[in-house]
Protein backbone atom coordinates (compact mmCIF):
# COMPACT_ATOMS: atom_id res chain seq x y z
CA MET A 1 0.27 -0.10 0.08
CA THR A 2 1.53 3.59 -0.97
CA LYS A 3 1.73 5.92 1.75
CA ILE A 4 -0.97 8.40 0.10
CA ALA A 5 -3.36 5.38 0.34
CA LEU A 6 -1.96 4.56 4.15
CA LEU A 7 -2.88 8.25 4.68
CA LEU A 8 -6.25 8.02 2.93
CA SER A 9 -7.30 4.95 5.16
CA ALA A 10 -6.38 6.48 8.19
CA ALA A 11 -8.23 9.38 7.61
CA ALA A 12 -11.20 7.22 6.97
CA LEU A 13 -10.95 5.77 10.38
CA SER A 14 -10.70 8.83 12.05
CA PHE A 15 -13.73 10.50 10.67
CA PRO A 16 -17.01 8.78 10.50
CA ALA A 17 -18.64 8.93 7.28
CA LEU A 18 -21.05 11.96 6.56
CA ALA A 19 -24.57 11.31 7.04
CA ALA A 20 -27.11 11.41 4.53
CA PRO A 21 -28.83 15.12 4.40
CA PRO A 22 -32.19 14.78 5.99
CA PRO A 23 -35.14 14.25 3.42
CA GLU A 24 -36.83 17.72 3.80
CA ASP A 25 -33.03 19.15 2.64
CA VAL A 26 -33.18 16.54 -0.18
CA GLY A 27 -36.90 17.81 -0.95
CA TYR A 28 -35.76 21.54 -1.04
CA ALA A 29 -32.81 20.94 -3.00
CA VAL A 30 -34.68 19.40 -5.77
CA LEU A 31 -37.14 22.44 -5.57
CA GLU A 32 -34.45 25.15 -5.75
CA GLY A 33 -32.62 23.42 -8.49
CA LEU A 34 -35.94 22.73 -10.60
CA THR A 35 -37.03 26.46 -10.37
CA THR A 36 -33.66 27.71 -10.54
CA GLU A 37 -32.16 25.55 -13.15
CA ILE A 38 -35.20 25.30 -15.50
CA GLY A 39 -37.89 27.51 -14.25
CA PRO A 40 -41.13 27.66 -16.09
CA ARG A 41 -42.06 24.17 -17.76
CA LEU A 42 -45.17 24.69 -19.91
CA ALA A 43 -46.33 21.31 -21.27
CA ALA A 44 -45.11 19.73 -24.28
CA THR A 45 -42.44 22.31 -24.89
CA GLU A 46 -38.57 22.54 -25.25
CA ALA A 47 -38.73 23.67 -21.40
CA GLU A 48 -40.45 20.65 -20.23
CA ALA A 49 -38.16 18.40 -22.16
CA ARG A 50 -35.21 20.04 -20.31
CA ALA A 51 -37.02 19.54 -17.16
CA ARG A 52 -37.39 15.77 -17.52
CA ASP A 53 -33.39 15.25 -18.57
CA TRP A 54 -32.82 17.37 -15.64
CA ALA A 55 -35.11 14.90 -13.34
CA VAL A 56 -33.47 11.64 -14.47
CA LYS A 57 -30.09 13.00 -13.67
CA ARG A 58 -30.85 14.37 -10.37
CA LEU A 59 -33.22 11.07 -9.55
CA LYS A 60 -30.11 9.04 -10.54
CA ALA A 61 -28.03 11.09 -8.37
CA LEU A 62 -29.97 10.52 -5.56
CA GLY A 63 -29.78 6.62 -5.70
CA PHE A 64 -33.36 5.69 -7.09
CA ALA A 65 -33.65 2.56 -9.01
CA ASN A 66 -35.44 2.13 -12.41
CA VAL A 67 -35.22 5.80 -13.22
CA HIS A 68 -36.59 6.62 -16.58
CA ILE A 69 -39.01 8.58 -19.04
CA GLU A 70 -41.82 7.53 -20.58
CA THR A 71 -43.06 10.00 -23.17
CA TYR A 72 -46.68 10.60 -25.11
CA ASP A 73 -47.66 12.95 -27.61
CA MET A 74 -49.87 15.45 -27.18
CA PRO A 75 -51.17 19.13 -28.53
CA SER A 76 -49.29 22.00 -27.77
CA TRP A 77 -49.99 25.64 -26.89
CA GLU A 78 -48.00 28.56 -26.92
CA ARG A 79 -48.97 31.76 -25.02
CA GLY A 80 -47.74 34.67 -27.33
CA ILE A 81 -49.02 38.19 -26.12
CA GLY A 82 -51.60 39.46 -24.11
CA THR A 83 -52.97 42.97 -23.75
CA ALA A 84 -56.12 44.90 -22.74
CA GLU A 85 -57.03 48.14 -22.88
CA VAL A 86 -60.26 50.67 -21.90
CA ILE A 87 -60.78 52.85 -25.41
CA ALA A 88 -63.93 54.66 -23.93
CA PRO A 89 -65.24 56.05 -21.88
CA TYR A 90 -62.26 55.79 -19.08
CA PRO A 91 -59.44 55.45 -20.89
CA GLN A 92 -56.53 53.15 -19.05
CA LYS A 93 -54.76 49.61 -19.43
CA LEU A 94 -55.99 46.53 -17.79
CA VAL A 95 -53.59 43.34 -17.05
CA ILE A 96 -54.56 40.08 -18.76
CA ALA A 97 -53.36 36.54 -19.22
CA ALA A 98 -54.42 34.12 -21.95
CA LEU A 99 -56.11 31.07 -20.58
CA GLY A 100 -54.68 27.94 -21.79
CA ASN A 101 -55.55 26.73 -25.37
CA SER A 102 -56.93 30.31 -25.78
CA GLY A 103 -57.49 31.34 -29.70
CA SER A 104 -56.17 34.66 -31.24
CA THR A 105 -57.47 37.90 -32.12
CA PRO A 106 -57.08 39.37 -35.47
CA PRO A 107 -53.81 40.82 -36.38
CA GLY A 108 -53.70 43.86 -34.63
CA GLY A 109 -56.17 43.15 -31.90
CA VAL A 110 -59.88 43.16 -31.56
CA THR A 111 -61.96 46.84 -30.19
CA ALA A 112 -65.43 45.95 -29.30
CA GLU A 113 -68.01 47.12 -26.68
CA VAL A 114 -68.00 44.71 -23.23
CA VAL A 115 -70.90 43.05 -21.94
CA GLY A 116 -70.84 42.21 -18.46
CA PHE A 117 -72.45 39.09 -16.46
CA PRO A 118 -72.36 38.09 -12.62
CA SER A 119 -71.89 34.41 -13.52
CA ILE A 120 -71.56 31.61 -15.97
CA GLU A 121 -75.46 30.71 -15.74
CA ALA A 122 -76.16 34.45 -16.79
CA LEU A 123 -74.06 34.33 -20.09
CA GLN A 124 -75.75 31.02 -20.68
CA ALA A 125 -79.34 32.22 -20.12
CA ALA A 126 -78.52 35.54 -22.19
CA PRO A 127 -79.79 35.84 -25.64
CA GLU A 128 -77.09 35.72 -28.85
CA SER A 129 -78.33 39.21 -29.72
CA ALA A 130 -76.99 40.71 -26.25
CA VAL A 131 -73.52 39.14 -27.14
CA LYS A 132 -72.85 38.64 -30.58
CA GLY A 133 -70.05 41.27 -31.70
CA LYS A 134 -68.95 41.94 -28.31
CA ILE A 135 -66.16 41.07 -25.52
CA VAL A 136 -67.75 39.04 -22.85
CA PHE A 137 -66.80 39.39 -19.27
CA VAL A 138 -67.84 37.45 -16.75
CA TRP A 139 -67.06 38.22 -13.07
CA HIS A 140 -67.30 35.89 -9.87
CA ARG A 141 -66.25 35.81 -6.46
CA MET A 142 -63.73 33.31 -5.01
CA ALA A 143 -63.69 32.71 -1.39
CA VAL A 144 -60.73 31.59 0.57
CA THR A 145 -61.39 28.24 1.96
CA GLN A 146 -58.56 25.83 3.73
CA ASP A 147 -59.66 23.10 1.85
CA ALA A 148 -59.65 24.42 -1.93
CA SER A 149 -63.33 23.62 -2.15
CA SER A 150 -63.59 27.60 -3.65
CA TYR A 151 -61.70 26.72 -6.52
CA GLU A 152 -63.59 23.58 -7.54
CA ALA A 153 -66.60 25.54 -7.45
CA ASN A 154 -65.34 28.45 -9.86
CA VAL A 155 -63.23 26.48 -12.15
CA PRO A 156 -66.27 26.09 -14.71
CA VAL A 157 -66.12 29.75 -15.09
CA ARG A 158 -62.80 29.61 -16.41
CA TYR A 159 -62.90 26.53 -18.18
CA ALA A 160 -66.06 27.06 -20.15
CA THR A 161 -67.09 30.65 -20.51
CA ALA A 162 -65.12 31.45 -23.52
CA SER A 163 -66.74 28.34 -25.48
CA ILE A 164 -70.47 29.66 -24.71
CA ALA A 165 -69.30 33.12 -25.38
CA SER A 166 -67.94 32.01 -29.01
CA LYS A 167 -71.33 30.11 -29.84
CA LYS A 168 -73.05 33.20 -29.09
CA GLY A 169 -70.97 35.28 -31.39
CA ALA A 170 -68.89 36.85 -29.02
CA VAL A 171 -65.23 38.23 -30.42
CA ALA A 172 -63.30 37.43 -27.23
CA ALA A 173 -63.72 36.51 -23.55
CA LEU A 174 -62.45 37.56 -20.21
CA VAL A 175 -62.71 36.17 -16.89
CA ARG A 176 -62.20 37.54 -13.25
CA SER A 177 -59.10 35.61 -12.50
CA ILE A 178 -59.87 32.40 -10.26
CA GLY A 179 -57.60 33.71 -7.34
CA THR A 180 -58.34 35.11 -3.94
CA ASP A 181 -55.31 37.79 -3.79
CA HIS A 182 -55.83 41.18 -4.68
CA HIS A 183 -52.64 41.86 -6.75
CA ARG A 184 -52.20 43.15 -10.23
CA VAL A 185 -51.14 39.83 -11.47
CA ALA A 186 -53.69 37.80 -13.62
CA HIS A 187 -54.05 33.87 -13.15
CA THR A 188 -53.78 31.72 -16.16
CA GLY A 189 -55.21 28.10 -16.20
CA VAL A 190 -56.70 25.82 -18.62
CA GLN A 191 -59.94 26.35 -20.49
CA ALA A 192 -61.32 24.13 -23.00
CA TRP A 193 -63.25 24.42 -26.54
CA ILE A 194 -66.47 22.69 -25.98
CA ASP A 195 -69.54 21.29 -27.86
CA GLY A 196 -67.58 22.69 -31.23
CA ALA A 197 -66.83 26.17 -30.00
CA THR A 198 -64.79 27.93 -32.61
CA PRO A 199 -61.62 29.45 -30.54
CA ILE A 200 -61.29 33.01 -29.82
CA ALA A 201 -59.05 35.15 -27.64
CA ALA A 202 -60.00 33.81 -23.97
CA ALA A 203 -57.97 35.49 -20.86
CA ALA A 204 -58.34 36.25 -17.25
CA LEU A 205 -58.29 39.59 -15.73
CA SER A 206 -56.53 40.19 -12.80
CA VAL A 207 -58.78 40.53 -9.64
CA PRO A 208 -58.11 44.36 -9.13
CA ASP A 209 -58.73 44.89 -12.82
CA ALA A 210 -61.58 42.74 -13.07
CA ASP A 211 -63.05 45.03 -9.91
CA GLN A 212 -62.46 47.87 -12.18
CA LEU A 213 -64.17 46.93 -15.25
CA GLU A 214 -67.07 45.69 -13.30
CA ARG A 215 -67.26 49.53 -11.77
CA MET A 216 -67.28 50.72 -14.87
CA LEU A 217 -69.83 48.77 -16.15
CA ALA A 218 -71.98 49.81 -12.80
CA LEU A 219 -71.97 53.14 -13.94
CA GLY A 220 -74.14 52.68 -17.04
CA LYS A 221 -72.18 53.93 -20.03
CA PRO A 222 -70.87 51.62 -22.67
CA VAL A 223 -67.58 50.46 -22.26
CA THR A 224 -65.11 49.69 -25.19
CA LEU A 225 -62.37 47.65 -25.11
CA HIS A 226 -59.14 46.74 -26.99
CA VAL A 227 -57.82 43.17 -26.98
CA GLU A 228 -54.96 41.71 -28.42
CA VAL A 229 -53.95 37.81 -27.64
CA THR A 230 -51.80 35.92 -30.06
CA ALA A 231 -51.79 32.63 -28.41
CA HIS A 232 -52.39 29.81 -30.51
CA MET A 233 -51.98 25.97 -30.80
CA THR A 234 -48.41 24.56 -32.32
CA GLY A 235 -49.26 21.09 -33.26
CA THR A 236 -48.53 18.14 -31.83
CA HIS A 237 -45.36 17.83 -29.51
CA GLN A 238 -43.99 15.41 -26.96
CA SER A 239 -44.52 15.64 -23.12
CA GLY A 240 -43.25 12.64 -20.61
CA ASN A 241 -43.49 11.24 -17.30
CA VAL A 242 -40.58 10.67 -15.05
CA ILE A 243 -40.28 7.37 -13.12
CA ALA A 244 -37.99 6.21 -10.26
CA GLU A 245 -38.55 3.85 -7.89
CA VAL A 246 -37.72 2.34 -4.03
CA PRO A 247 -37.48 -1.23 -4.94
CA GLY A 248 -39.74 -3.37 -2.27
CA ARG A 249 -38.47 -6.68 -0.37
CA ASP A 250 -41.37 -8.22 -1.84
CA PRO A 251 -42.03 -7.75 -5.63
CA LYS A 252 -45.30 -9.21 -5.69
CA ALA A 253 -46.60 -6.91 -2.76
CA GLY A 254 -47.37 -4.39 -5.08
CA ILE A 255 -47.03 -0.70 -5.63
CA VAL A 256 -47.28 2.52 -3.50
CA LEU A 257 -47.61 5.39 -6.53
CA ILE A 258 -46.65 8.74 -5.38
CA GLY A 259 -45.40 11.98 -6.95
CA GLY A 260 -46.18 15.37 -8.52
CA HIS A 261 -46.52 17.11 -11.65
CA LEU A 262 -43.58 18.18 -13.52
CA ASP A 263 -45.02 20.71 -15.81
CA SER A 264 -45.81 24.50 -14.74
CA TRP A 265 -47.45 27.53 -16.54
CA ASP A 266 -45.13 29.56 -18.09
CA LEU A 267 -45.53 33.05 -16.23
CA GLY A 268 -43.67 31.85 -12.99
CA THR A 269 -41.28 29.27 -12.14
CA GLY A 270 -43.42 26.88 -10.69
CA ALA A 271 -42.41 26.38 -7.21
CA ILE A 272 -45.87 26.11 -5.38
CA ASP A 273 -47.49 24.44 -8.42
CA ASP A 274 -46.12 21.98 -8.72
CA GLY A 275 -42.34 21.79 -7.97
CA ALA A 276 -43.49 21.66 -4.45
CA GLY A 277 -45.13 18.42 -4.77
CA VAL A 278 -42.66 16.65 -6.80
CA ALA A 279 -39.87 17.85 -4.22
CA ILE A 280 -42.10 16.98 -0.99
CA THR A 281 -42.62 13.21 -2.69
CA THR A 282 -39.23 12.98 -3.48
CA GLY A 283 -37.96 14.01 -0.09
CA ALA A 284 -40.35 11.24 1.39
CA ALA A 285 -38.90 8.72 -0.92
CA LYS A 286 -35.53 9.12 -0.39
CA ALA A 287 -36.17 8.89 3.48
CA MET A 288 -37.52 5.63 2.60
CA LEU A 289 -34.77 4.33 0.03
CA GLU A 290 -32.01 5.56 2.95
CA GLY A 291 -33.98 3.47 5.73
CA PRO A 292 -34.71 -0.34 6.17
CA ARG A 293 -36.15 -1.93 2.68
CA PRO A 294 -40.16 -1.44 2.82
CA LYS A 295 -42.35 -4.44 1.79
CA HIS A 296 -44.19 -2.57 -1.12
CA THR A 297 -42.17 -0.93 -4.10
CA ILE A 298 -42.75 2.91 -4.11
CA ARG A 299 -43.05 4.17 -7.41
CA LEU A 300 -42.32 8.10 -7.42
CA VAL A 301 -43.44 9.71 -10.62
CA TRP A 302 -43.01 13.23 -11.86
CA PHE A 303 -45.95 13.59 -14.19
CA GLY A 304 -45.61 15.70 -17.47
CA ALA A 305 -48.47 17.85 -18.59
CA GLU A 306 -50.95 17.88 -15.75
CA GLU A 307 -51.79 21.77 -16.49
CA PRO A 308 -53.39 21.33 -19.92
CA GLY A 309 -55.48 18.24 -18.94
CA GLY A 310 -53.98 15.54 -16.62
CA PHE A 311 -52.17 14.08 -19.97
CA GLY A 312 -49.51 12.45 -17.64
CA GLY A 313 -51.94 10.72 -15.24
CA LYS A 314 -53.75 9.35 -18.36
CA ALA A 315 -50.80 8.22 -20.08
CA TYR A 316 -49.70 6.44 -16.87
CA ALA A 317 -52.90 4.80 -16.09
CA ALA A 318 -52.76 3.56 -19.85
CA ALA A 319 -49.36 1.76 -19.12
CA HIS A 320 -49.47 0.81 -16.26
CA GLY A 321 -52.96 0.23 -15.14
CA LYS A 322 -52.71 -3.69 -14.85
CA GLU A 323 -49.73 -3.43 -12.70
CA LYS A 324 -50.68 -4.36 -8.61
CA HIS A 325 -50.99 -0.69 -6.92
CA ILE A 326 -52.45 -0.85 -3.54
CA LEU A 327 -52.37 2.98 -3.02
CA ALA A 328 -52.07 6.01 -4.83
CA ALA A 329 -51.36 9.77 -3.66
CA GLU A 330 -49.75 12.81 -5.11
CA SER A 331 -48.84 16.21 -3.74
CA ASP A 332 -50.54 19.14 -5.58
CA LEU A 333 -51.58 21.93 -3.53
CA GLY A 334 -48.51 23.93 -2.58
CA ALA A 335 -46.14 23.43 0.28
CA ASP A 336 -48.39 24.67 3.17
CA ARG A 337 -48.94 22.38 5.90
CA VAL A 338 -50.81 19.20 5.81
CA TRP A 339 -53.62 19.22 8.30
CA SER A 340 -55.43 16.30 7.87
CA PHE A 341 -55.49 12.89 5.79
CA ARG A 342 -58.23 10.83 4.21
CA LEU A 343 -58.17 7.22 3.01
CA ALA A 344 -61.68 5.87 1.94
CA LEU A 345 -61.64 2.18 2.56
CA ALA A 346 -64.34 -0.25 1.90
CA ASP A 347 -63.77 -0.90 5.99
CA PRO A 348 -63.87 2.13 7.65
CA LYS A 349 -62.71 1.04 10.59
CA ALA A 350 -59.40 -0.61 9.15
CA PRO A 351 -56.27 -0.93 11.70
CA ILE A 352 -54.43 1.02 9.23
CA ILE A 353 -56.18 4.26 9.62
CA THR A 354 -55.50 4.15 13.54
CA ASP A 355 -51.87 3.47 12.39
CA LEU A 356 -51.41 6.36 10.23
CA SER A 357 -53.31 8.49 12.71
CA ARG A 358 -50.90 7.80 15.46
CA ALA A 359 -48.09 8.32 12.73
CA LEU A 360 -49.29 11.67 11.78
CA ALA A 361 -50.71 13.13 14.92
CA PRO A 362 -47.52 14.36 16.29
CA LEU A 363 -47.34 16.71 13.18
CA GLY A 364 -50.61 17.87 14.08
CA ILE A 365 -52.56 15.93 11.15
CA GLY A 366 -56.26 13.93 11.93
CA PHE A 367 -58.12 11.59 10.17
CA ALA A 368 -60.91 13.34 8.03
CA ALA A 369 -63.57 11.01 6.93
CA GLY A 370 -65.07 10.99 3.25
CA PRO A 371 -63.63 10.34 -0.15
CA ALA A 372 -60.35 10.89 -1.03
CA PHE A 373 -59.72 12.37 -4.72
CA GLY A 374 -55.60 11.63 -4.68
CA GLY A 375 -54.94 14.11 -7.13
CA THR A 376 -55.36 15.01 -11.01
CA ASP A 377 -52.32 12.62 -11.97
CA VAL A 378 -53.26 9.54 -9.98
CA GLU A 379 -57.28 9.77 -10.34
CA PRO A 380 -56.93 7.81 -13.58
CA THR A 381 -55.17 4.97 -11.62
CA GLY A 382 -57.53 5.25 -8.74
CA ALA A 383 -60.45 4.84 -11.53
CA THR A 384 -58.70 1.21 -11.95
CA GLY A 385 -59.65 0.30 -8.47
CA VAL A 386 -56.77 1.28 -6.81
CA VAL A 387 -57.55 3.05 -2.99
CA LEU A 388 -56.74 7.04 -3.36
CA MET A 389 -55.31 9.09 -0.12
CA ASP A 390 -55.07 12.44 0.38
CA LEU A 391 -52.34 14.34 2.68
CA VAL A 392 -54.54 17.43 2.77
CA GLN A 393 -52.81 20.63 2.54
CA ASP A 394 -53.97 24.17 3.93
CA ALA A 395 -55.03 26.11 1.14
CA THR A 396 -55.57 29.46 2.48
CA ARG A 397 -52.81 31.43 0.99
CA TYR A 398 -52.64 28.86 -1.85
CA PHE A 399 -54.88 30.86 -4.61
CA ASP A 400 -53.20 33.98 -3.82
CA ILE A 401 -50.24 32.30 -6.04
CA HIS A 402 -51.39 29.70 -8.04
CA HIS A 403 -51.07 30.40 -12.06
CA THR A 404 -49.42 33.33 -11.56
CA ALA A 405 -46.05 34.91 -12.08
CA ASP A 406 -45.47 35.50 -8.48
CA ASP A 407 -45.41 31.58 -8.25
CA THR A 408 -41.75 31.54 -7.49
CA LEU A 409 -39.56 29.92 -4.76
CA ASP A 410 -39.38 32.47 -2.22
CA LYS A 411 -43.15 31.88 -1.79
CA ILE A 412 -42.17 28.77 -0.14
CA ASP A 413 -42.42 28.39 3.93
CA ARG A 414 -39.79 26.31 4.61
CA ALA A 415 -40.95 25.40 8.02
CA GLN A 416 -44.32 24.08 6.46
CA PHE A 417 -42.33 22.58 3.53
CA ASP A 418 -40.35 20.65 6.03
CA GLN A 419 -43.70 19.39 7.78
CA ASN A 420 -45.03 18.35 4.52
CA VAL A 421 -41.74 15.98 3.73
CA ALA A 422 -42.08 14.78 7.28
CA ALA A 423 -45.60 13.82 6.78
CA TRP A 424 -45.35 11.81 3.49
CA THR A 425 -42.41 10.15 4.88
CA ALA A 426 -44.56 9.15 7.92
CA MET A 427 -47.27 7.91 5.97
CA LEU A 428 -44.94 5.88 3.57
CA LYS A 429 -43.49 4.07 6.64
CA VAL A 430 -46.71 2.91 7.36
CA VAL A 431 -48.28 2.25 4.34
CA THR A 432 -45.29 0.45 2.46
CA ASN A 433 -44.98 -2.10 5.25
CA SER A 434 -48.86 -2.76 5.77
CA ASP A 435 -50.21 -6.11 5.13
CA ALA A 436 -53.80 -4.22 5.44
CA ASP A 437 -56.53 -4.93 3.18
CA LEU A 438 -56.59 -1.60 1.22
CA THR A 439 -60.01 -2.12 -0.84
CA PRO A 440 -61.37 1.24 -1.85
CA ALA A 441 -64.62 2.25 -0.55
CA PRO A 442 -67.70 1.99 -3.13
CA GLY A 443 -68.84 4.74 -4.82
CA PRO A 444 -67.72 7.65 -7.31
CA ALA A 445 -64.39 9.96 -6.46
CA PRO A 446 -65.64 13.29 -5.30
CA HIS A 447 -64.77 14.66 -8.81
CA GLU A 448 -66.74 12.53 -10.64
């Protein structure tokens, strides 16, 4: 042995091996790296492809097994520019953001009178003569709720307004942002062309600008807007899911599916939606990788293309739906603290619910009866008969930031993020080593 080798050997004996970083640090490093090195990750774009490659390198470096990408084709959309301005009688600029799948205005934009409605139902009831040739504006009020129920109630306004307006002859459609903030940033999000509607420009106004336009209309004079949106579909492009595993000690025991979605909207850097989700679940899975080998395999998926319609979750279920999954769960509501969990089993008194309650109680998390959603990306797998679980996060401030240019790393509360990682780790320790009968409760999922 050389003198250098002897010295290195002595040094190794003198200093203990460095301990693995705690799972919350692993998770936060993933979040920081993804939002810094990649940034916005619009589905089926070059940026999302770079994110997939980055994910493979990071997950392999962390020691996960079977790391690979599974691609699929999908329609792709580009935002372009979006501007709005009141021409008369109160000239001023407004802040808008095109909604996903929006069409474009004619070159140079469109100038037309605005017709306003307090709800999507009021728009549906309006005669075509009240809408044709005009810019439709629908306002509404989204309340702050801890459980995100207000968002679910308001999504139809964003999703369907432009289609209804288009079929009645409108030249453009605007909605009050689906958000709870009062900052002058607009919330984007997906909308769809339903029932054969012809694409027109579809955009969201920032909450203050929507309130401003509503006040203008209330004064009783005709309000004329100029709107320019250059958004358009770009054809068929590729997205994909990144898959990694913590192999279980019993290959026949089944798979616990966890993850978040890798894509984001393109206004911010996708920190809370959903860099946090992939980071939280990765940190927890890494903790399981470092500990005793679990009975069940943990499959970690960074799903692609969730935002424009859950393409990644559908592709995963199509490819893997016949494999034996025992539970599926996703983190996709930001990074604020987990406050309850839901696990809807056929046996509502199953001992595993007690086991999970004991494991999660020290983190301030209690059991909530009722159906579990699981998440957009795992719901298709749940539809194959797999039980879904929710670790329910506090959504009180989530929709202040969601789908806006403010969705950046500085919005992450580190203490609450760490609690999320701890919660997912505690859950995995119970579920992945359990022999419990995880038969889902009968009946439809809450979003069906």
